[in-house]
Amino acid sequence: MRIALAGKGGAGKTTISATLSRLLARTGTRVVAIDADTNPNLGPALGATQGPVDATPYLPTTLVSRRFDGPALSCTVDEALAEYATVAPDGVLLVRMGTPQHTGEGCLCSAHATASALLSDLGRAPDTATVMDLEASPEHLSRGTARHAELLLLVAEPYFRSLETVKRQAALAAELPETRVAVVANKVRDEGDAQAIDEFCERIDRPCVARIPWSDDVLEADRRTASLLDHAPGSAVVAALEGLIESVRTGHVGALATGRR
């Protein structure tokens, strides 16, 4: 299963991506977590805090071989992971998309193509789950960075600007032929918040597959530069994400996303 997470900046994509990655790894599955944000923060959210974040190797654009059906790796997945992955807690393999190295160096088309090629080839890796943390910009959709994901989770807060972002991304994602799209409600404080997101999902015709409550544990974990799973393993947020993992593993989430009207 290849899962990608998108949404407005600050919606909670990285915390959710990191926690999902580690929970999946605890089921005995090999997990590859791809930080596909040009402002990378997935490493610290996973709890990979040894050394500076920027010391994590990134995927070089030389890994891409352009073919008629799109970019693909010029080496095997295992070779790429052996060279460029960092082992995070619970054995999660963290890889990072390239980021700007200098001002004025131009667009990051090749970096997106490299991340897309890895995601594509991981579809043929046995007994492997992939979680891709996308940046807030819709550029990952226009460039097709996550087009090989089987499931795209749009993280929505119960606020107008967050919901507007999800609405735009859902419209773009509708053009992805093989990707199922669902909404994850995050930072839900009360039933009013939950109802607002449920009504929104009805309007955009996408299922809400998880409700994640607001928790100060997330803020405190960030202050401590710790992963949520290490700081507050008994958090209600972790419990909600454990439920989401179970739904993903049993196919319930996929069935909901496929069964949209």
C-alpha atoms as a PDB file:
ATOM      1  CA  MET A   1       0.000   0.000   0.000  1.00  0.00           C
ATOM      2  CA  ARG A   2       1.262   3.445  -0.954  1.00  0.00           C
ATOM      3  CA  ILE A   3      -0.333   6.266   1.034  1.00  0.00           C
ATOM      4  CA  ALA A   4       0.194   9.990   0.465  1.00  0.00           C
ATOM      5  CA  LEU A   5      -0.946  12.810   2.743  1.00  0.00           C
ATOM      6  CA  ALA A   6      -1.779  16.336   1.604  1.00  0.00           C
ATOM      7  CA  GLY A   7      -3.551  19.415   2.935  1.00  0.00           C
ATOM      8  CA  LYS A   8      -3.026  22.983   4.041  1.00  0.00           C
ATOM      9  CA  GLY A   9       0.214  24.004   5.725  1.00  0.00           C
ATOM     10  CA  GLY A  10      -0.014  23.371   9.466  1.00  0.00           C
ATOM     11  CA  ALA A  11      -2.941  20.964   9.134  1.00  0.00           C
ATOM     12  CA  GLY A  12      -0.942  18.166  10.759  1.00  0.00           C
ATOM     13  CA  LYS A  13       0.213  16.141   7.738  1.00  0.00           C
ATOM     14  CA  THR A  14       3.724  15.527   9.045  1.00  0.00           C
ATOM     15  CA  THR A  15       2.689  14.431  12.535  1.00  0.00           C
ATOM     16  CA  ILE A  16       0.097  12.090  11.060  1.00  0.00           C
ATOM     17  CA  SER A  17       2.521  10.753   8.410  1.00  0.00           C
ATOM     18  CA  ALA A  18       5.193  10.034  11.005  1.00  0.00           C
ATOM     19  CA  THR A  19       2.842   8.370  13.464  1.00  0.00           C
ATOM     20  CA  LEU A  20       1.182   6.270  10.764  1.00  0.00           C
ATOM     21  CA  SER A  21       4.615   5.172   9.521  1.00  0.00           C
ATOM     22  CA  ARG A  22       5.748   3.941  12.911  1.00  0.00           C
ATOM     23  CA  LEU A  23       2.434   2.283  13.746  1.00  0.00           C
ATOM     24  CA  LEU A  24       2.528   0.455  10.422  1.00  0.00           C
ATOM     25  CA  ALA A  25       6.103  -0.642  11.106  1.00  0.00           C
ATOM     26  CA  ARG A  26       5.010  -2.095  14.430  1.00  0.00           C
ATOM     27  CA  THR A  27       2.726  -4.493  12.559  1.00  0.00           C
ATOM     28  CA  GLY A  28       5.820  -6.138  11.061  1.00  0.00           C
ATOM     29  CA  THR A  29       5.585  -4.390   7.692  1.00  0.00           C
ATOM     30  CA  ARG A  30       8.617  -2.797   6.064  1.00  0.00           C
ATOM     31  CA  VAL A  31       7.763   0.907   5.898  1.00  0.00           C
ATOM     32  CA  VAL A  32       9.338   3.555   3.680  1.00  0.00           C
ATOM     33  CA  ALA A  33       8.511   7.130   4.708  1.00  0.00           C
ATOM     34  CA  ILE A  34       9.125   9.677   1.953  1.00  0.00           C
ATOM     35  CA  ASP A  35       9.531  13.304   2.957  1.00  0.00           C
ATOM     36  CA  ALA A  36       8.276  14.950  -0.232  1.00  0.00           C
ATOM     37  CA  ASP A  37       8.206  18.441   1.259  1.00  0.00           C
ATOM     38  CA  THR A  38      10.871  20.904   0.146  1.00  0.00           C
ATOM     39  CA  ASN A  39      10.842  22.137   3.750  1.00  0.00           C
ATOM     40  CA  PRO A  40      11.556  18.733   5.341  1.00  0.00           C
ATOM     41  CA  ASN A  41      10.402  17.926   8.884  1.00  0.00           C
ATOM     42  CA  LEU A  42       9.387  14.290   8.730  1.00  0.00           C
ATOM     43  CA  GLY A  43      12.627  13.084  10.342  1.00  0.00           C
ATOM     44  CA  PRO A  44      12.134  14.869  13.677  1.00  0.00           C
ATOM     45  CA  ALA A  45       8.432  13.912  13.680  1.00  0.00           C
ATOM     46  CA  LEU A  46       9.507  10.261  13.359  1.00  0.00           C
ATOM     47  CA  GLY A  47      11.922  10.696  16.252  1.00  0.00           C
ATOM     48  CA  ALA A  48      15.028  10.542  14.061  1.00  0.00           C
ATOM     49  CA  THR A  49      16.766  13.327  15.958  1.00  0.00           C
ATOM     50  CA  GLN A  50      20.393  12.212  15.839  1.00  0.00           C
ATOM     51  CA  GLY A  51      22.336  14.923  14.040  1.00  0.00           C
ATOM     52  CA  PRO A  52      20.925  17.920  12.146  1.00  0.00           C
ATOM     53  CA  VAL A  53      17.886  17.381   9.921  1.00  0.00           C
ATOM     54  CA  ASP A  54      19.768  18.640   6.868  1.00  0.00           C
ATOM     55  CA  ALA A  55      22.374  15.898   7.359  1.00  0.00           C
ATOM     56  CA  THR A  56      19.795  13.335   6.208  1.00  0.00           C
ATOM     57  CA  PRO A  57      20.749  12.278   2.663  1.00  0.00           C
ATOM     58  CA  TYR A  58      18.334  13.295  -0.058  1.00  0.00           C
ATOM     59  CA  LEU A  59      17.399  11.561  -3.290  1.00  0.00           C
ATOM     60  CA  PRO A  60      19.649  12.847  -6.079  1.00  0.00           C
ATOM     61  CA  THR A  61      18.008  13.583  -9.395  1.00  0.00           C
ATOM     62  CA  THR A  62      20.532  11.287 -11.100  1.00  0.00           C
ATOM     63  CA  LEU A  63      18.430   8.378  -9.844  1.00  0.00           C
ATOM     64  CA  VAL A  64      15.753   9.090 -12.460  1.00  0.00           C
ATOM     65  CA  SER A  65      15.500   7.355 -15.790  1.00  0.00           C
ATOM     66  CA  ARG A  66      12.893   8.971 -18.018  1.00  0.00           C
ATOM     67  CA  ARG A  67      10.736   6.509 -19.922  1.00  0.00           C
ATOM     68  CA  PHE A  68       7.669   6.700 -22.125  1.00  0.00           C
ATOM     69  CA  ASP A  69       5.389   5.837 -19.184  1.00  0.00           C
ATOM     70  CA  GLY A  70       6.992   8.413 -16.874  1.00  0.00           C
ATOM     71  CA  PRO A  71      10.048   8.638 -14.601  1.00  0.00           C
ATOM     72  CA  ALA A  72      11.470   5.488 -13.031  1.00  0.00           C
ATOM     73  CA  LEU A  73      14.534   4.707 -10.964  1.00  0.00           C
ATOM     74  CA  SER A  74      17.773   3.935 -12.766  1.00  0.00           C
ATOM     75  CA  CYS A  75      18.607   1.428  -9.994  1.00  0.00           C
ATOM     76  CA  THR A  76      16.616  -1.026  -7.903  1.00  0.00           C
ATOM     77  CA  VAL A  77      14.509   0.138  -4.969  1.00  0.00           C
ATOM     78  CA  ASP A  78      16.736  -1.785  -2.544  1.00  0.00           C
ATOM     79  CA  GLU A  79      19.846  -0.126  -3.965  1.00  0.00           C
ATOM     80  CA  ALA A  80      18.257   3.323  -3.589  1.00  0.00           C
ATOM     81  CA  LEU A  81      17.172   2.624  -0.024  1.00  0.00           C
ATOM     82  CA  ALA A  82      20.569   1.192   0.940  1.00  0.00           C
ATOM     83  CA  GLU A  83      22.264   4.356  -0.284  1.00  0.00           C
ATOM     84  CA  TYR A  84      19.825   7.119   0.680  1.00  0.00           C
ATOM     85  CA  ALA A  85      17.514   5.901   3.460  1.00  0.00           C
ATOM     86  CA  THR A  86      18.000   6.690   7.128  1.00  0.00           C
ATOM     87  CA  VAL A  87      16.734   4.147   9.653  1.00  0.00           C
ATOM     88  CA  ALA A  88      14.276   5.872  11.998  1.00  0.00           C
ATOM     89  CA  PRO A  89      12.673   4.447  15.171  1.00  0.00           C
ATOM     90  CA  ASP A  90      10.702   1.200  14.755  1.00  0.00           C
ATOM     91  CA  GLY A  91      12.821   0.489  11.663  1.00  0.00           C
ATOM     92  CA  VAL A  92      11.065   2.993   9.395  1.00  0.00           C
ATOM     93  CA  LEU A  93      13.214   3.803   6.351  1.00  0.00           C
ATOM     94  CA  LEU A  94      13.196   7.588   5.866  1.00  0.00           C
ATOM     95  CA  VAL A  95      14.074   9.085   2.499  1.00  0.00           C
ATOM     96  CA  ARG A  96      14.018  12.769   1.646  1.00  0.00           C
ATOM     97  CA  MET A  97      13.200  14.523  -1.593  1.00  0.00           C
ATOM     98  CA  GLY A  98      15.749  17.062  -2.779  1.00  0.00           C
ATOM     99  CA  THR A  99      15.427  20.625  -1.505  1.00  0.00           C
ATOM    100  CA  PRO A 100      16.747  23.980  -2.739  1.00  0.00           C
ATOM    101  CA  GLN A 101      20.477  24.274  -2.141  1.00  0.00           C
ATOM    102  CA  HIS A 102      20.896  27.868  -3.362  1.00  0.00           C
ATOM    103  CA  THR A 103      18.735  30.879  -4.111  1.00  0.00           C
ATOM    104  CA  GLY A 104      17.822  31.398  -7.735  1.00  0.00           C
ATOM    105  CA  GLU A 105      18.658  27.845  -8.787  1.00  0.00           C
ATOM    106  CA  GLY A 106      15.318  27.317 -10.517  1.00  0.00           C
ATOM    107  CA  CYS A 107      12.389  24.938 -10.149  1.00  0.00           C
ATOM    108  CA  LEU A 108      12.417  21.565  -8.412  1.00  0.00           C
ATOM    109  CA  CYS A 109      10.902  19.575 -11.271  1.00  0.00           C
ATOM    110  CA  SER A 110      13.647  16.947 -11.137  1.00  0.00           C
ATOM    111  CA  ALA A 111      13.333  16.523  -7.377  1.00  0.00           C
ATOM    112  CA  HIS A 112       9.590  15.869  -7.712  1.00  0.00           C
ATOM    113  CA  ALA A 113      10.249  13.432 -10.576  1.00  0.00           C
ATOM    114  CA  THR A 114      12.727  11.511  -8.435  1.00  0.00           C
ATOM    115  CA  ALA A 115      10.280  11.191  -5.525  1.00  0.00           C
ATOM    116  CA  SER A 116       7.571  10.111  -7.968  1.00  0.00           C
ATOM    117  CA  ALA A 117       9.866   7.484  -9.516  1.00  0.00           C
ATOM    118  CA  LEU A 118      10.667   6.009  -6.104  1.00  0.00           C
ATOM    119  CA  LEU A 119       6.978   5.910  -5.171  1.00  0.00           C
ATOM    120  CA  SER A 120       6.209   4.191  -8.481  1.00  0.00           C
ATOM    121  CA  ASP A 121       8.871   1.521  -8.110  1.00  0.00           C
ATOM    122  CA  LEU A 122       7.951   0.870  -4.467  1.00  0.00           C
ATOM    123  CA  GLY A 123       4.668  -0.489  -5.795  1.00  0.00           C
ATOM    124  CA  ARG A 124       6.604  -3.564  -6.898  1.00  0.00           C
ATOM    125  CA  ALA A 125       8.451  -3.995  -3.589  1.00  0.00           C
ATOM    126  CA  PRO A 126       7.030  -6.997  -1.683  1.00  0.00           C
ATOM    127  CA  ASP A 127       5.664  -6.614   1.846  1.00  0.00           C
ATOM    128  CA  THR A 128       6.362  -2.876   1.846  1.00  0.00           C
ATOM    129  CA  ALA A 129       4.126   0.036   2.828  1.00  0.00           C
ATOM    130  CA  THR A 130       4.969   3.574   1.765  1.00  0.00           C
ATOM    131  CA  VAL A 131       3.855   6.791   3.441  1.00  0.00           C
ATOM    132  CA  MET A 132       4.552  10.008   1.519  1.00  0.00           C
ATOM    133  CA  ASP A 133       4.337  13.353   3.333  1.00  0.00           C
ATOM    134  CA  LEU A 134       3.537  16.014   0.729  1.00  0.00           C
ATOM    135  CA  GLU A 135       4.034  19.754   0.870  1.00  0.00           C
ATOM    136  CA  ALA A 136       1.154  22.187   1.331  1.00  0.00           C
ATOM    137  CA  SER A 137       1.323  23.489  -2.233  1.00  0.00           C
ATOM    138  CA  PRO A 138      -0.862  21.746  -4.858  1.00  0.00           C
ATOM    139  CA  GLU A 139       2.320  21.471  -6.938  1.00  0.00           C
ATOM    140  CA  HIS A 140       2.657  17.799  -6.024  1.00  0.00           C
ATOM    141  CA  LEU A 141      -0.620  17.219  -7.856  1.00  0.00           C
ATOM    142  CA  SER A 142       0.226  19.319 -10.907  1.00  0.00           C
ATOM    143  CA  ARG A 143       3.615  17.566 -11.169  1.00  0.00           C
ATOM    144  CA  GLY A 144       2.148  14.135 -10.468  1.00  0.00           C
ATOM    145  CA  THR A 145       4.471  13.498  -7.531  1.00  0.00           C
ATOM    146  CA  ALA A 146       1.901  11.319  -5.751  1.00  0.00           C
ATOM    147  CA  ARG A 147       0.107   9.904  -8.776  1.00  0.00           C
ATOM    148  CA  HIS A 148       1.303   6.388  -7.945  1.00  0.00           C
ATOM    149  CA  ALA A 149      -0.249   6.404  -4.467  1.00  0.00           C
ATOM    150  CA  GLU A 150      -3.171   4.015  -4.059  1.00  0.00           C
ATOM    151  CA  LEU A 151      -4.624   6.209  -1.318  1.00  0.00           C
ATOM    152  CA  LEU A 152      -4.447   9.985  -0.927  1.00  0.00           C
ATOM    153  CA  LEU A 153      -5.478  11.250   2.503  1.00  0.00           C
ATOM    154  CA  LEU A 154      -6.423  14.938   2.597  1.00  0.00           C
ATOM    155  CA  VAL A 155      -5.926  16.291   6.111  1.00  0.00           C
ATOM    156  CA  ALA A 156      -8.659  18.789   6.981  1.00  0.00           C
ATOM    157  CA  GLU A 157      -8.971  21.055   9.982  1.00  0.00           C
ATOM    158  CA  PRO A 158     -12.481  22.345  10.815  1.00  0.00           C
ATOM    159  CA  TYR A 159     -11.622  25.857   9.575  1.00  0.00           C
ATOM    160  CA  PHE A 160     -12.589  27.615   6.359  1.00  0.00           C
ATOM    161  CA  ARG A 161      -9.110  28.041   4.854  1.00  0.00           C
ATOM    162  CA  SER A 162      -8.139  24.456   5.561  1.00  0.00           C
ATOM    163  CA  LEU A 163     -11.372  23.149   4.065  1.00  0.00           C
ATOM    164  CA  GLU A 164     -10.959  25.360   0.982  1.00  0.00           C
ATOM    165  CA  THR A 165      -7.477  23.934   0.455  1.00  0.00           C
ATOM    166  CA  VAL A 166      -8.791  20.376   0.718  1.00  0.00           C
ATOM    167  CA  LYS A 167     -11.619  21.194  -1.708  1.00  0.00           C
ATOM    168  CA  ARG A 168      -9.141  22.429  -4.335  1.00  0.00           C
ATOM    169  CA  GLN A 169      -6.832  19.463  -3.838  1.00  0.00           C
ATOM    170  CA  ALA A 170      -9.735  17.004  -3.983  1.00  0.00           C
ATOM    171  CA  ALA A 171     -10.799  18.479  -7.335  1.00  0.00           C
ATOM    172  CA  LEU A 172      -7.289  18.033  -8.728  1.00  0.00           C
ATOM    173  CA  ALA A 173      -6.934  14.565  -7.233  1.00  0.00           C
ATOM    174  CA  ALA A 174     -10.142  13.476  -8.984  1.00  0.00           C
ATOM    175  CA  GLU A 175      -8.084  13.373 -12.191  1.00  0.00           C
ATOM    176  CA  LEU A 176      -5.737  10.727 -10.784  1.00  0.00           C
ATOM    177  CA  PRO A 177      -7.000   7.544 -12.421  1.00  0.00           C
ATOM    178  CA  GLU A 178      -5.837   4.950  -9.887  1.00  0.00           C
ATOM    179  CA  THR A 179      -5.802   6.913  -6.628  1.00  0.00           C
ATOM    180  CA  ARG A 180      -8.560   6.700  -4.054  1.00  0.00           C
ATOM    181  CA  VAL A 181      -9.097   9.953  -2.155  1.00  0.00           C
ATOM    182  CA  ALA A 182     -10.408  10.347   1.384  1.00  0.00           C
ATOM    183  CA  VAL A 183     -10.437  12.993   4.127  1.00  0.00           C
ATOM    184  CA  VAL A 184      -8.912  12.787   7.599  1.00  0.00           C
ATOM    185  CA  ALA A 185     -10.456  15.241  10.057  1.00  0.00           C
ATOM    186  CA  ASN A 186      -7.770  16.655  12.338  1.00  0.00           C
ATOM    187  CA  LYS A 187      -7.796  18.887  15.439  1.00  0.00           C
ATOM    188  CA  VAL A 188     -11.440  18.090  16.163  1.00  0.00           C
ATOM    189  CA  ARG A 189     -12.387  19.796  19.436  1.00  0.00           C
ATOM    190  CA  ASP A 190     -16.082  18.946  19.719  1.00  0.00           C
ATOM    191  CA  GLU A 191     -19.114  17.565  17.920  1.00  0.00           C
ATOM    192  CA  GLY A 192     -19.592  20.880  16.136  1.00  0.00           C
ATOM    193  CA  ASP A 193     -16.159  20.532  14.521  1.00  0.00           C
ATOM    194  CA  ALA A 194     -16.902  16.943  13.549  1.00  0.00           C
ATOM    195  CA  GLN A 195     -20.244  17.893  12.035  1.00  0.00           C
ATOM    196  CA  ALA A 196     -18.681  20.748  10.044  1.00  0.00           C
ATOM    197  CA  ILE A 197     -16.177  18.386   8.439  1.00  0.00           C
ATOM    198  CA  ASP A 198     -18.810  15.685   7.843  1.00  0.00           C
ATOM    199  CA  GLU A 199     -20.998  18.228   6.016  1.00  0.00           C
ATOM    200  CA  PHE A 200     -17.985  19.413   4.034  1.00  0.00           C
ATOM    201  CA  CYS A 201     -17.150  15.846   2.992  1.00  0.00           C
ATOM    202  CA  GLU A 202     -20.736  15.395   1.843  1.00  0.00           C
ATOM    203  CA  ARG A 203     -20.437  18.499  -0.340  1.00  0.00           C
ATOM    204  CA  ILE A 204     -17.203  17.399  -2.019  1.00  0.00           C
ATOM    205  CA  ASP A 205     -18.349  13.768  -2.184  1.00  0.00           C
ATOM    206  CA  ARG A 206     -15.367  12.310  -0.340  1.00  0.00           C
ATOM    207  CA  PRO A 207     -15.507  10.061   2.742  1.00  0.00           C
ATOM    208  CA  CYS A 208     -14.138  11.115   6.115  1.00  0.00           C
ATOM    209  CA  VAL A 209     -12.210   8.035   7.247  1.00  0.00           C
ATOM    210  CA  ALA A 210     -10.857   9.238  10.591  1.00  0.00           C
ATOM    211  CA  ARG A 211     -11.524  11.867  13.249  1.00  0.00           C
ATOM    212  CA  ILE A 212      -8.425  12.929  15.139  1.00  0.00           C
ATOM    213  CA  PRO A 213      -9.050  15.002  18.273  1.00  0.00           C
ATOM    214  CA  TRP A 214      -7.275  18.176  19.255  1.00  0.00           C
ATOM    215  CA  SER A 215      -4.509  17.433  21.752  1.00  0.00           C
ATOM    216  CA  ASP A 216      -1.912  19.547  23.502  1.00  0.00           C
ATOM    217  CA  ASP A 217       0.298  16.446  23.407  1.00  0.00           C
ATOM    218  CA  VAL A 218       1.117  17.254  19.776  1.00  0.00           C
ATOM    219  CA  LEU A 219       2.283  20.765  20.654  1.00  0.00           C
ATOM    220  CA  GLU A 220       4.296  19.558  23.636  1.00  0.00           C
ATOM    221  CA  ALA A 221       5.997  16.845  21.567  1.00  0.00           C
ATOM    222  CA  ASP A 222       7.047  19.486  19.049  1.00  0.00           C
ATOM    223  CA  ARG A 223       8.413  21.740  21.804  1.00  0.00           C
ATOM    224  CA  ARG A 224      10.506  18.831  23.049  1.00  0.00           C
ATOM    225  CA  THR A 225      11.656  17.939  19.503  1.00  0.00           C
ATOM    226  CA  ALA A 226      10.181  14.500  20.097  1.00  0.00           C
ATOM    227  CA  SER A 227       7.872  12.269  18.119  1.00  0.00           C
ATOM    228  CA  LEU A 228       4.281  12.135  19.354  1.00  0.00           C
ATOM    229  CA  LEU A 229       4.550   8.363  19.690  1.00  0.00           C
ATOM    230  CA  ASP A 230       7.532   8.664  22.037  1.00  0.00           C
ATOM    231  CA  HIS A 231       6.220  11.648  24.009  1.00  0.00           C
ATOM    232  CA  ALA A 232       2.621  10.539  24.509  1.00  0.00           C
ATOM    233  CA  PRO A 233       2.053   6.948  23.364  1.00  0.00           C
ATOM    234  CA  GLY A 234      -1.293   6.868  25.182  1.00  0.00           C
ATOM    235  CA  SER A 235      -2.558  10.037  23.496  1.00  0.00           C
ATOM    236  CA  ALA A 236      -6.064  10.092  22.022  1.00  0.00           C
ATOM    237  CA  VAL A 237      -4.398  11.156  18.755  1.00  0.00           C
ATOM    238  CA  VAL A 238      -2.322   7.965  18.681  1.00  0.00           C
ATOM    239  CA  ALA A 239      -5.436   5.903  19.468  1.00  0.00           C
ATOM    240  CA  ALA A 240      -7.309   7.514  16.556  1.00  0.00           C
ATOM    241  CA  LEU A 241      -4.420   6.807  14.203  1.00  0.00           C
ATOM    242  CA  GLU A 242      -4.238   3.194  15.396  1.00  0.00           C
ATOM    243  CA  GLY A 243      -7.873   2.918  14.352  1.00  0.00           C
ATOM    244  CA  LEU A 244      -7.041   4.407  10.960  1.00  0.00           C
ATOM    245  CA  ILE A 245      -4.182   1.916  10.504  1.00  0.00           C
ATOM    246  CA  GLU A 246      -6.531  -0.971  11.242  1.00  0.00           C
ATOM    247  CA  SER A 247      -9.041   0.379   8.727  1.00  0.00           C
ATOM    248  CA  VAL A 248      -6.311   0.696   6.093  1.00  0.00           C
ATOM    249  CA  ARG A 249      -4.979  -2.813   6.735  1.00  0.00           C
ATOM    250  CA  THR A 250      -8.423  -4.396   6.536  1.00  0.00           C
ATOM    251  CA  GLY A 251      -9.293  -2.506   3.351  1.00  0.00           C
ATOM    252  CA  HIS A 252     -12.145  -0.577   4.954  1.00  0.00           C
ATOM    253  CA  VAL A 253     -10.676   2.826   4.063  1.00  0.00           C
ATOM    254  CA  GLY A 254     -10.096   1.809   0.458  1.00  0.00           C
ATOM    255  CA  ALA A 255     -13.644   0.490   0.147  1.00  0.00           C
ATOM    256  CA  LEU A 256     -15.081   3.756   1.466  1.00  0.00           C
ATOM    257  CA  ALA A 257     -12.975   5.848  -0.918  1.00  0.00           C
ATOM    258  CA  THR A 258     -13.846   3.626  -3.878  1.00  0.00           C
ATOM    259  CA  GLY A 259     -17.523   3.695  -3.039  1.00  0.00           C
ATOM    260  CA  ARG A 260     -17.960   7.460  -3.297  1.00  0.00           C
ATOM    261  CA  ARG A 261     -20.909   8.588  -5.371  1.00  0.00           C
END
